[in-house]
Structure formats: C-alpha cells, structure tokens
N, C-alpha and C. Protein backbone atom coordinates (compact mmCIF):
# COMPACT_ATOMS: atom_id res chain seq x y z
N UNK A 1 -25.62 -20.11 7.58
CA UNK A 1 -26.41 -19.33 6.65
C UNK A 1 -25.54 -18.76 5.53
N UNK A 2 -24.41 -18.13 5.90
CA UNK A 2 -23.56 -17.54 4.88
C UNK A 2 -22.93 -18.60 3.98
N UNK A 3 -22.66 -19.77 4.53
CA UNK A 3 -22.12 -20.85 3.71
C UNK A 3 -23.14 -21.29 2.68
N UNK A 4 -24.39 -21.43 3.08
CA UNK A 4 -25.44 -21.81 2.13
C UNK A 4 -25.63 -20.76 1.05
N UNK A 5 -25.37 -19.52 1.36
CA UNK A 5 -25.52 -18.44 0.39
C UNK A 5 -24.28 -18.24 -0.47
N UNK A 6 -23.24 -19.04 -0.25
CA UNK A 6 -22.04 -18.97 -1.07
C UNK A 6 -20.93 -18.08 -0.53
N UNK A 7 -21.07 -17.60 0.72
CA UNK A 7 -20.07 -16.70 1.28
C UNK A 7 -19.14 -17.40 2.28
N UNK A 8 -19.24 -18.70 2.41
CA UNK A 8 -18.48 -19.44 3.42
C UNK A 8 -16.98 -19.40 3.25
N UNK A 9 -16.50 -19.15 2.05
CA UNK A 9 -15.06 -19.13 1.81
C UNK A 9 -14.43 -17.76 1.93
N UNK A 10 -15.21 -16.74 2.30
CA UNK A 10 -14.67 -15.38 2.39
C UNK A 10 -13.82 -15.22 3.65
N UNK A 11 -12.78 -14.37 3.59
CA UNK A 11 -12.01 -14.08 4.80
C UNK A 11 -12.85 -13.29 5.79
N UNK A 12 -12.43 -13.29 7.06
CA UNK A 12 -13.17 -12.62 8.12
C UNK A 12 -12.39 -11.41 8.61
N UNK A 13 -13.05 -10.27 8.66
CA UNK A 13 -12.50 -9.04 9.23
C UNK A 13 -13.10 -8.89 10.62
N UNK A 14 -12.26 -8.76 11.64
CA UNK A 14 -12.74 -8.63 13.01
C UNK A 14 -12.91 -7.16 13.36
N UNK A 15 -14.14 -6.73 13.62
CA UNK A 15 -14.42 -5.36 14.04
C UNK A 15 -14.49 -5.37 15.57
N UNK A 16 -13.41 -4.91 16.22
CA UNK A 16 -13.31 -4.99 17.68
C UNK A 16 -12.59 -3.76 18.22
N UNK A 17 -12.50 -3.68 19.53
CA UNK A 17 -11.80 -2.56 20.15
C UNK A 17 -10.32 -2.57 19.80
N UNK A 18 -9.73 -1.38 19.71
CA UNK A 18 -8.29 -1.30 19.43
C UNK A 18 -7.46 -1.38 20.71
N UNK A 19 -8.11 -1.43 21.87
CA UNK A 19 -7.40 -1.36 23.14
C UNK A 19 -6.96 -2.71 23.67
N UNK A 20 -7.40 -3.80 23.09
CA UNK A 20 -7.10 -5.11 23.63
C UNK A 20 -7.19 -6.16 22.53
N UNK A 21 -6.48 -7.28 22.72
CA UNK A 21 -6.65 -8.40 21.79
C UNK A 21 -8.01 -9.06 21.98
N UNK A 22 -8.61 -8.87 23.16
CA UNK A 22 -9.95 -9.39 23.40
C UNK A 22 -10.97 -8.39 22.87
N UNK A 23 -12.24 -8.65 23.10
CA UNK A 23 -13.26 -7.67 22.71
C UNK A 23 -13.67 -6.81 23.90
N UNK A 24 -12.93 -6.89 25.00
CA UNK A 24 -13.18 -6.09 26.20
C UNK A 24 -12.16 -4.96 26.26
N UNK A 25 -12.56 -3.70 26.06
CA UNK A 25 -11.60 -2.61 26.07
C UNK A 25 -10.91 -2.41 27.43
N UNK A 26 -11.50 -2.93 28.51
CA UNK A 26 -10.88 -2.80 29.83
C UNK A 26 -9.76 -3.81 30.03
N UNK A 27 -9.71 -4.87 29.24
CA UNK A 27 -8.66 -5.89 29.35
C UNK A 27 -7.49 -5.45 28.47
N UNK A 28 -6.67 -4.56 29.00
CA UNK A 28 -5.59 -3.94 28.23
C UNK A 28 -4.50 -4.94 27.85
N UNK A 29 -3.79 -4.61 26.77
CA UNK A 29 -2.64 -5.39 26.35
C UNK A 29 -3.02 -6.71 25.72
N UNK A 30 -2.37 -7.77 26.19
CA UNK A 30 -2.58 -9.10 25.62
C UNK A 30 -3.11 -10.04 26.70
N UNK A 31 -4.38 -9.95 27.04
CA UNK A 31 -4.94 -10.83 28.07
C UNK A 31 -4.98 -12.28 27.59
N UNK A 32 -5.14 -13.20 28.52
CA UNK A 32 -5.26 -14.61 28.14
C UNK A 32 -6.43 -15.22 28.89
N UNK A 33 -6.89 -16.36 28.41
CA UNK A 33 -7.96 -17.09 29.07
C UNK A 33 -9.33 -16.45 28.96
N UNK A 34 -9.56 -15.66 27.94
CA UNK A 34 -10.85 -15.00 27.78
C UNK A 34 -11.66 -15.68 26.69
N UNK A 35 -12.96 -15.48 26.73
CA UNK A 35 -13.86 -15.94 25.67
C UNK A 35 -14.14 -14.76 24.76
N UNK A 36 -13.90 -14.94 23.48
CA UNK A 36 -14.10 -13.85 22.52
C UNK A 36 -15.55 -13.87 22.07
N UNK A 37 -16.28 -12.81 22.36
CA UNK A 37 -17.71 -12.75 22.05
C UNK A 37 -17.95 -12.00 20.75
N UNK A 38 -18.67 -12.63 19.84
CA UNK A 38 -19.04 -12.01 18.57
C UNK A 38 -20.52 -11.65 18.65
N UNK A 39 -20.82 -10.36 18.50
CA UNK A 39 -22.20 -9.88 18.61
C UNK A 39 -23.02 -10.23 17.37
N UNK A 40 -22.43 -10.06 16.19
CA UNK A 40 -23.12 -10.39 14.93
C UNK A 40 -22.09 -10.57 13.84
N UNK A 41 -22.50 -11.20 12.76
CA UNK A 41 -21.66 -11.36 11.58
C UNK A 41 -22.39 -10.74 10.40
N UNK A 42 -21.67 -9.90 9.67
CA UNK A 42 -22.24 -9.25 8.48
C UNK A 42 -21.44 -9.66 7.26
N UNK A 43 -22.09 -9.66 6.12
CA UNK A 43 -21.39 -9.95 4.88
C UNK A 43 -21.16 -8.64 4.13
N UNK A 44 -19.94 -8.45 3.65
CA UNK A 44 -19.58 -7.33 2.79
C UNK A 44 -19.22 -7.94 1.44
N UNK A 45 -20.25 -8.30 0.68
CA UNK A 45 -20.05 -9.06 -0.55
C UNK A 45 -19.20 -8.30 -1.57
N UNK A 46 -19.42 -7.00 -1.70
CA UNK A 46 -18.63 -6.21 -2.65
C UNK A 46 -17.17 -6.15 -2.27
N UNK A 47 -16.88 -6.04 -0.98
CA UNK A 47 -15.51 -6.00 -0.50
C UNK A 47 -14.89 -7.39 -0.49
N UNK A 48 -15.73 -8.41 -0.37
CA UNK A 48 -15.23 -9.78 -0.40
C UNK A 48 -14.81 -10.33 0.95
N UNK A 49 -15.51 -9.94 2.04
CA UNK A 49 -15.21 -10.52 3.33
C UNK A 49 -16.43 -10.52 4.24
N UNK A 50 -16.31 -11.29 5.32
CA UNK A 50 -17.32 -11.29 6.38
C UNK A 50 -16.80 -10.39 7.50
N UNK A 51 -17.70 -9.70 8.18
CA UNK A 51 -17.31 -8.83 9.28
C UNK A 51 -17.88 -9.41 10.57
N UNK A 52 -17.01 -9.79 11.48
CA UNK A 52 -17.42 -10.25 12.81
C UNK A 52 -17.42 -9.04 13.72
N UNK A 53 -18.60 -8.57 14.12
CA UNK A 53 -18.73 -7.40 14.98
C UNK A 53 -18.65 -7.88 16.43
N UNK A 54 -17.64 -7.39 17.16
CA UNK A 54 -17.37 -7.86 18.51
C UNK A 54 -17.48 -6.71 19.49
N UNK A 55 -18.34 -6.86 20.48
CA UNK A 55 -18.49 -5.82 21.49
C UNK A 55 -19.43 -4.72 21.04
N UNK A 56 -19.44 -3.65 21.83
CA UNK A 56 -20.34 -2.52 21.58
C UNK A 56 -19.62 -1.49 20.71
N UNK A 57 -20.00 -1.39 19.46
CA UNK A 57 -19.37 -0.42 18.57
C UNK A 57 -20.35 0.02 17.51
N UNK A 58 -20.09 1.21 16.99
CA UNK A 58 -20.93 1.76 15.93
C UNK A 58 -20.20 1.53 14.60
N UNK A 59 -20.91 0.99 13.65
CA UNK A 59 -20.33 0.74 12.33
C UNK A 59 -20.69 1.89 11.39
N UNK A 60 -19.71 2.35 10.63
CA UNK A 60 -20.02 3.39 9.66
C UNK A 60 -20.68 2.77 8.44
N UNK A 61 -21.60 3.48 7.84
CA UNK A 61 -22.30 2.90 6.69
C UNK A 61 -21.38 2.79 5.48
N UNK A 62 -21.77 1.95 4.56
CA UNK A 62 -21.02 1.80 3.33
C UNK A 62 -21.24 2.98 2.39
N UNK A 63 -20.47 3.02 1.36
CA UNK A 63 -20.58 4.09 0.39
C UNK A 63 -21.71 3.81 -0.59
N UNK A 64 -22.29 4.86 -1.17
CA UNK A 64 -23.35 4.65 -2.15
C UNK A 64 -22.78 4.07 -3.45
N UNK A 65 -23.64 3.53 -4.28
CA UNK A 65 -23.17 2.96 -5.55
C UNK A 65 -22.72 4.04 -6.53
N UNK A 66 -23.27 5.23 -6.41
CA UNK A 66 -22.86 6.36 -7.26
C UNK A 66 -22.20 7.41 -6.37
N UNK A 67 -20.88 7.62 -6.48
CA UNK A 67 -20.19 8.60 -5.64
C UNK A 67 -20.72 10.02 -5.85
N UNK A 68 -20.71 10.82 -4.80
CA UNK A 68 -21.25 12.18 -4.83
C UNK A 68 -20.47 13.11 -5.77
N UNK A 69 -19.21 12.80 -6.06
CA UNK A 69 -18.44 13.72 -6.90
C UNK A 69 -19.02 13.86 -8.31
N UNK A 70 -19.85 12.89 -8.73
CA UNK A 70 -20.49 13.01 -10.04
C UNK A 70 -21.46 14.19 -10.09
N UNK A 71 -21.96 14.60 -8.94
CA UNK A 71 -22.95 15.69 -8.87
C UNK A 71 -22.31 17.05 -8.60
N UNK A 72 -21.01 17.11 -8.35
CA UNK A 72 -20.33 18.35 -8.01
C UNK A 72 -19.69 18.93 -9.27
N UNK A 73 -19.84 20.24 -9.44
CA UNK A 73 -19.30 20.91 -10.63
C UNK A 73 -19.07 22.38 -10.31
N UNK A 74 -18.50 23.09 -11.24
CA UNK A 74 -18.32 24.53 -11.12
C UNK A 74 -19.17 25.19 -12.19
N UNK A 75 -20.00 26.12 -11.77
CA UNK A 75 -20.84 26.88 -12.71
C UNK A 75 -19.93 27.81 -13.51
N UNK A 76 -19.85 27.64 -14.85
CA UNK A 76 -18.92 28.45 -15.65
C UNK A 76 -19.28 29.93 -15.67
N UNK A 77 -20.54 30.26 -15.43
CA UNK A 77 -20.95 31.66 -15.46
C UNK A 77 -20.59 32.40 -14.17
N UNK A 78 -20.71 31.70 -13.04
CA UNK A 78 -20.48 32.37 -11.76
C UNK A 78 -19.18 31.95 -11.08
N UNK A 79 -18.62 30.81 -11.49
CA UNK A 79 -17.42 30.30 -10.84
C UNK A 79 -17.69 29.64 -9.50
N UNK A 80 -18.96 29.47 -9.17
CA UNK A 80 -19.34 28.87 -7.89
C UNK A 80 -19.43 27.35 -7.99
N UNK A 81 -19.11 26.69 -6.90
CA UNK A 81 -19.24 25.24 -6.83
C UNK A 81 -20.72 24.91 -6.64
N UNK A 82 -21.22 23.97 -7.42
CA UNK A 82 -22.62 23.55 -7.32
C UNK A 82 -22.67 22.05 -7.05
N UNK A 83 -23.78 21.61 -6.45
CA UNK A 83 -23.99 20.18 -6.22
C UNK A 83 -23.52 19.69 -4.87
N UNK A 84 -23.20 20.59 -3.95
CA UNK A 84 -22.75 20.16 -2.62
C UNK A 84 -23.88 20.04 -1.61
N UNK A 85 -25.07 20.51 -1.94
CA UNK A 85 -26.15 20.44 -0.95
C UNK A 85 -27.05 19.27 -1.21
C-alpha cells in the first residue's frame, strides 16, 4: 500500500521496547532465534520515514501545524503571560 502511494523508498523507524533487541521486553539483552512481530506500520510523511510499531506501546501524537508559542505573549499593561490556556 505505501509503495503504491509513493512512500516505498522511505527509511523505517522501529518503535519497539528499549529492553531487548526483540519486541518482547521480557527477552533481555540480545536474544536469538525469535520472530520479530510488527503490530502496524504508519507513515510519517513530513518526517520522511515509515514507523514500524512493534509490541504493545503508546505512541505520542505529532505536533500541530501551528506551534502554540504563536499564541503566547506578555500583556504590556499588566506584565502577565497570556495565551497559555
């Protein structure tokens, strides 16, 4: 599917546990002879890579197109920071 959409040449970022080379956090260190299970593949077109999500993990959402700092300012009359809520 991603190849047909033009993303087939993108590098792959593996989203997996930090505790093992496998996607099983209980298999500590450098296990061998395991099958690496990929739960889903996502495209991060703006970043320029595919994300292979391996195992049970929560992904943090991407950033908005307009950063929040554009809405933050200091009121010159009161000196208070505005735009944080």
